Amino acid sequence: MRRKGQMEIMGLIVIVILLTLGMVFIVSFKTSQPKREVKKSYEDDQLASNFIIAFLKTNSDCRKHTIENMIQDCAIEKRINCNGLSSCKYVNETINVFLDKTLKKLGKKFKFEIEGVSEEILFEADCTADQEKDSAFQPISLYPYPGTIVIRMDICE
């Protein structure tokens, strides 16, 4: 009877040791894997999205037009003239100031595009085609005129 009890205790000790070794193995395996950068990816995605929204909703110093209105005018009529600058030139200067004071100051690499305007709006792009990107885009309707402008921001690794 006593021998049977000792064997059961030995069996339990072996099971506990095996479970402990298994847990140590699992923990060491999990810590050796590279950590996923979900938080950074989410932050960059939100940064791109929020940058576009803030930029479009910003009031210009030109008769209280928003930047979105200026971009729409640049794509259609080019009737807005602001301090001697056409709406396209005004948007071009403004976006470069915004990018300098925000993303460049944060040390972010990015690519910013405005598709659908007749004049090219220029800005520096730091991204290359092979880099991982977190992107956001915002379509702007030209209603009652046909067409849509798409503003796209890529934040690169």
C-alpha atoms as a PDB file:
ATOM      1  CA  MET A   1       0.000   0.000   0.000  1.00  0.00           C
ATOM      2  CA  ARG A   2       2.768   2.379   0.919  1.00  0.00           C
ATOM      3  CA  ARG A   3       4.645   1.618  -2.294  1.00  0.00           C
ATOM      4  CA  LYS A   4       1.548   2.391  -4.357  1.00  0.00           C
ATOM      5  CA  GLY A   5       1.223   5.836  -2.737  1.00  0.00           C
ATOM      6  CA  GLN A   6       4.878   6.603  -3.396  1.00  0.00           C
ATOM      7  CA  MET A   7       4.465   5.674  -7.058  1.00  0.00           C
ATOM      8  CA  GLU A   8       1.438   7.985  -7.409  1.00  0.00           C
ATOM      9  CA  ILE A   9       3.375  10.869  -5.839  1.00  0.00           C
ATOM     10  CA  MET A  10       6.318  10.190  -8.183  1.00  0.00           C
ATOM     11  CA  GLY A  11       3.916  10.184 -11.117  1.00  0.00           C
ATOM     12  CA  LEU A  12       2.486  13.543 -10.048  1.00  0.00           C
ATOM     13  CA  ILE A  13       6.005  14.979  -9.650  1.00  0.00           C
ATOM     14  CA  VAL A  14       6.919  13.806 -13.170  1.00  0.00           C
ATOM     15  CA  ILE A  15       3.743  15.420 -14.560  1.00  0.00           C
ATOM     16  CA  VAL A  16       4.476  18.701 -12.749  1.00  0.00           C
ATOM     17  CA  ILE A  17       8.072  18.698 -14.049  1.00  0.00           C
ATOM     18  CA  LEU A  18       6.886  18.024 -17.627  1.00  0.00           C
ATOM     19  CA  LEU A  19       4.302  20.819 -17.413  1.00  0.00           C
ATOM     20  CA  THR A  20       6.929  23.216 -16.035  1.00  0.00           C
ATOM     21  CA  LEU A  21       9.379  22.358 -18.820  1.00  0.00           C
ATOM     22  CA  GLY A  22       6.607  22.785 -21.378  1.00  0.00           C
ATOM     23  CA  MET A  23       5.725  26.242 -20.024  1.00  0.00           C
ATOM     24  CA  VAL A  24       9.399  27.288 -20.022  1.00  0.00           C
ATOM     25  CA  PHE A  25       9.712  26.114 -23.623  1.00  0.00           C
ATOM     26  CA  ILE A  26       6.556  28.011 -24.703  1.00  0.00           C
ATOM     27  CA  VAL A  27       7.610  31.220 -22.942  1.00  0.00           C
ATOM     28  CA  SER A  28      11.124  31.124 -24.405  1.00  0.00           C
ATOM     29  CA  PHE A  29       9.719  30.441 -27.891  1.00  0.00           C
ATOM     30  CA  LYS A  30       7.246  33.336 -27.673  1.00  0.00           C
ATOM     31  CA  THR A  31       9.853  35.828 -26.455  1.00  0.00           C
ATOM     32  CA  SER A  32      12.327  34.885 -29.199  1.00  0.00           C
ATOM     33  CA  GLN A  33       9.837  35.722 -31.992  1.00  0.00           C
ATOM     34  CA  PRO A  34      10.019  39.277 -33.339  1.00  0.00           C
ATOM     35  CA  LYS A  35       7.264  41.435 -31.899  1.00  0.00           C
ATOM     36  CA  ARG A  36       4.560  42.526 -34.259  1.00  0.00           C
ATOM     37  CA  GLU A  37       4.356  46.248 -34.629  1.00  0.00           C
ATOM     38  CA  VAL A  38       0.604  46.527 -34.600  1.00  0.00           C
ATOM     39  CA  LYS A  39       0.653  49.666 -32.470  1.00  0.00           C
ATOM     40  CA  LYS A  40       3.084  51.499 -34.779  1.00  0.00           C
ATOM     41  CA  SER A  41       1.120  50.468 -37.858  1.00  0.00           C
ATOM     42  CA  TYR A  42      -2.115  51.688 -36.265  1.00  0.00           C
ATOM     43  CA  GLU A  43      -0.490  54.985 -35.237  1.00  0.00           C
ATOM     44  CA  ASP A  44       0.845  55.604 -38.756  1.00  0.00           C
ATOM     45  CA  ASP A  45      -2.514  54.717 -40.303  1.00  0.00           C
ATOM     46  CA  GLN A  46      -4.285  57.149 -37.985  1.00  0.00           C
ATOM     47  CA  LEU A  47      -1.624  59.803 -38.571  1.00  0.00           C
ATOM     48  CA  ALA A  48      -2.147  59.616 -42.342  1.00  0.00           C
ATOM     49  CA  SER A  49      -5.928  59.731 -42.036  1.00  0.00           C
ATOM     50  CA  ASN A  50      -5.986  62.556 -39.501  1.00  0.00           C
ATOM     51  CA  PHE A  51      -3.442  64.584 -41.475  1.00  0.00           C
ATOM     52  CA  ILE A  52      -5.616  64.502 -44.602  1.00  0.00           C
ATOM     53  CA  ILE A  53      -8.786  65.420 -42.714  1.00  0.00           C
ATOM     54  CA  ALA A  54      -7.115  68.265 -40.829  1.00  0.00           C
ATOM     55  CA  PHE A  55      -5.491  69.590 -43.985  1.00  0.00           C
ATOM     56  CA  LEU A  56      -8.742  69.606 -45.969  1.00  0.00           C
ATOM     57  CA  LYS A  57     -10.775  71.266 -43.216  1.00  0.00           C
ATOM     58  CA  THR A  58      -8.208  73.998 -42.514  1.00  0.00           C
ATOM     59  CA  ASN A  59      -9.359  77.509 -43.345  1.00  0.00           C
ATOM     60  CA  SER A  60      -7.092  79.367 -45.717  1.00  0.00           C
ATOM     61  CA  ASP A  61      -6.352  83.039 -45.236  1.00  0.00           C
ATOM     62  CA  CYS A  62      -8.136  83.656 -48.518  1.00  0.00           C
ATOM     63  CA  ARG A  63     -11.729  84.805 -48.004  1.00  0.00           C
ATOM     64  CA  LYS A  64     -12.372  81.978 -45.546  1.00  0.00           C
ATOM     65  CA  HIS A  65     -12.142  79.216 -48.142  1.00  0.00           C
ATOM     66  CA  THR A  66     -11.080  75.841 -46.808  1.00  0.00           C
ATOM     67  CA  ILE A  67      -8.183  74.016 -48.406  1.00  0.00           C
ATOM     68  CA  GLU A  68     -10.744  71.545 -49.737  1.00  0.00           C
ATOM     69  CA  ASN A  69     -12.519  74.405 -51.569  1.00  0.00           C
ATOM     70  CA  MET A  70      -9.198  75.586 -52.957  1.00  0.00           C
ATOM     71  CA  ILE A  71      -8.382  72.077 -54.273  1.00  0.00           C
ATOM     72  CA  GLN A  72     -11.837  71.812 -55.877  1.00  0.00           C
ATOM     73  CA  ASP A  73     -11.342  75.210 -57.519  1.00  0.00           C
ATOM     74  CA  CYS A  74      -7.907  74.139 -58.745  1.00  0.00           C
ATOM     75  CA  ALA A  75      -9.480  71.093 -60.411  1.00  0.00           C
ATOM     76  CA  ILE A  76     -12.397  72.935 -62.046  1.00  0.00           C
ATOM     77  CA  GLU A  77     -12.544  76.672 -62.551  1.00  0.00           C
ATOM     78  CA  LYS A  78      -9.410  78.305 -61.106  1.00  0.00           C
ATOM     79  CA  ARG A  79     -11.439  81.379 -60.152  1.00  0.00           C
ATOM     80  CA  ILE A  80     -10.105  81.845 -56.630  1.00  0.00           C
ATOM     81  CA  ASN A  81      -7.130  84.178 -56.473  1.00  0.00           C
ATOM     82  CA  CYS A  82      -5.422  84.515 -53.129  1.00  0.00           C
ATOM     83  CA  ASN A  83      -2.778  87.186 -52.583  1.00  0.00           C
ATOM     84  CA  GLY A  84      -1.834  86.996 -56.257  1.00  0.00           C
ATOM     85  CA  LEU A  85      -1.684  83.198 -56.261  1.00  0.00           C
ATOM     86  CA  SER A  86      -4.032  80.872 -58.113  1.00  0.00           C
ATOM     87  CA  SER A  87      -5.795  78.250 -56.019  1.00  0.00           C
ATOM     88  CA  CYS A  88      -3.377  75.589 -57.322  1.00  0.00           C
ATOM     89  CA  LYS A  89      -0.266  77.557 -56.368  1.00  0.00           C
ATOM     90  CA  TYR A  90      -1.789  78.420 -52.988  1.00  0.00           C
ATOM     91  CA  VAL A  91      -2.514  74.744 -52.231  1.00  0.00           C
ATOM     92  CA  ASN A  92       0.979  73.809 -53.392  1.00  0.00           C
ATOM     93  CA  GLU A  93       2.624  76.294 -51.026  1.00  0.00           C
ATOM     94  CA  THR A  94       0.284  75.418 -48.161  1.00  0.00           C
ATOM     95  CA  ILE A  95       0.777  71.651 -48.371  1.00  0.00           C
ATOM     96  CA  ASN A  96       4.546  72.051 -48.356  1.00  0.00           C
ATOM     97  CA  VAL A  97       4.335  74.235 -45.225  1.00  0.00           C
ATOM     98  CA  PHE A  98       2.037  71.690 -43.542  1.00  0.00           C
ATOM     99  CA  LEU A  99       4.326  68.790 -44.402  1.00  0.00           C
ATOM    100  CA  ASP A 100       7.436  70.655 -43.205  1.00  0.00           C
ATOM    101  CA  LYS A 101       5.869  71.580 -39.870  1.00  0.00           C
ATOM    102  CA  THR A 102       4.325  68.185 -39.144  1.00  0.00           C
ATOM    103  CA  LEU A 103       5.554  64.988 -40.752  1.00  0.00           C
ATOM    104  CA  LYS A 104       9.065  66.145 -41.583  1.00  0.00           C
ATOM    105  CA  LYS A 105       9.476  67.522 -38.069  1.00  0.00           C
ATOM    106  CA  LEU A 106       8.381  64.127 -36.692  1.00  0.00           C
ATOM    107  CA  GLY A 107      10.954  62.435 -38.928  1.00  0.00           C
ATOM    108  CA  LYS A 108       8.319  60.484 -40.858  1.00  0.00           C
ATOM    109  CA  LYS A 109       8.837  59.316 -44.422  1.00  0.00           C
ATOM    110  CA  PHE A 110       5.769  59.861 -46.529  1.00  0.00           C
ATOM    111  CA  LYS A 111       4.242  60.195 -49.947  1.00  0.00           C
ATOM    112  CA  PHE A 112       1.403  62.669 -50.510  1.00  0.00           C
ATOM    113  CA  GLU A 113      -0.584  62.733 -53.747  1.00  0.00           C
ATOM    114  CA  ILE A 114      -3.497  64.721 -55.090  1.00  0.00           C
ATOM    115  CA  GLU A 115      -5.007  62.995 -58.125  1.00  0.00           C
ATOM    116  CA  GLY A 116      -7.536  64.659 -60.393  1.00  0.00           C
ATOM    117  CA  VAL A 117      -6.337  68.263 -60.512  1.00  0.00           C
ATOM    118  CA  SER A 118      -5.333  69.758 -63.847  1.00  0.00           C
ATOM    119  CA  GLU A 119      -2.168  71.459 -62.545  1.00  0.00           C
ATOM    120  CA  GLU A 120       0.443  69.415 -60.783  1.00  0.00           C
ATOM    121  CA  ILE A 121       0.757  70.049 -57.073  1.00  0.00           C
ATOM    122  CA  LEU A 122       4.368  69.408 -56.090  1.00  0.00           C
ATOM    123  CA  PHE A 123       5.847  68.149 -52.854  1.00  0.00           C
ATOM    124  CA  GLU A 124       8.727  65.927 -51.824  1.00  0.00           C
ATOM    125  CA  ALA A 125       8.113  62.211 -51.473  1.00  0.00           C
ATOM    126  CA  ASP A 126      10.386  60.153 -49.225  1.00  0.00           C
ATOM    127  CA  CYS A 127       8.870  56.720 -49.914  1.00  0.00           C
ATOM    128  CA  THR A 128      10.192  54.130 -52.311  1.00  0.00           C
ATOM    129  CA  ALA A 129       8.133  51.459 -54.012  1.00  0.00           C
ATOM    130  CA  ASP A 130       9.549  48.583 -51.954  1.00  0.00           C
ATOM    131  CA  GLN A 131       8.857  50.081 -48.504  1.00  0.00           C
ATOM    132  CA  GLU A 132       5.962  48.978 -46.313  1.00  0.00           C
ATOM    133  CA  LYS A 133       3.296  51.669 -46.139  1.00  0.00           C
ATOM    134  CA  ASP A 134       0.328  52.614 -44.028  1.00  0.00           C
ATOM    135  CA  SER A 135      -2.063  54.535 -46.236  1.00  0.00           C
ATOM    136  CA  ALA A 136      -5.118  56.715 -46.086  1.00  0.00           C
ATOM    137  CA  PHE A 137      -7.074  58.396 -48.832  1.00  0.00           C
ATOM    138  CA  GLN A 138      -9.936  60.853 -49.104  1.00  0.00           C
ATOM    139  CA  PRO A 139     -12.099  61.314 -52.208  1.00  0.00           C
ATOM    140  CA  ILE A 140     -13.479  64.783 -52.877  1.00  0.00           C
ATOM    141  CA  SER A 141     -16.492  65.138 -55.135  1.00  0.00           C
ATOM    142  CA  LEU A 142     -16.505  67.861 -57.780  1.00  0.00           C
ATOM    143  CA  TYR A 143     -20.317  67.926 -57.861  1.00  0.00           C
ATOM    144  CA  PRO A 144     -22.098  69.429 -59.847  1.00  0.00           C
ATOM    145  CA  TYR A 145     -19.185  68.884 -62.235  1.00  0.00           C
ATOM    146  CA  PRO A 146     -18.177  65.338 -63.165  1.00  0.00           C
ATOM    147  CA  GLY A 147     -15.189  63.797 -61.532  1.00  0.00           C
ATOM    148  CA  THR A 148     -13.543  63.155 -58.211  1.00  0.00           C
ATOM    149  CA  ILE A 149     -10.276  64.205 -56.670  1.00  0.00           C
ATOM    150  CA  VAL A 150      -8.436  61.642 -54.547  1.00  0.00           C
ATOM    151  CA  ILE A 151      -6.003  62.716 -51.873  1.00  0.00           C
ATOM    152  CA  ARG A 152      -3.679  59.958 -50.725  1.00  0.00           C
ATOM    153  CA  MET A 153      -1.118  59.843 -47.930  1.00  0.00           C
ATOM    154  CA  ASP A 154       1.344  56.990 -47.402  1.00  0.00           C
ATOM    155  CA  ILE A 155       3.450  56.829 -44.234  1.00  0.00           C
ATOM    156  CA  CYS A 156       6.486  54.619 -44.923  1.00  0.00           C
ATOM    157  CA  GLU A 157       8.686  52.485 -42.697  1.00  0.00           C
END
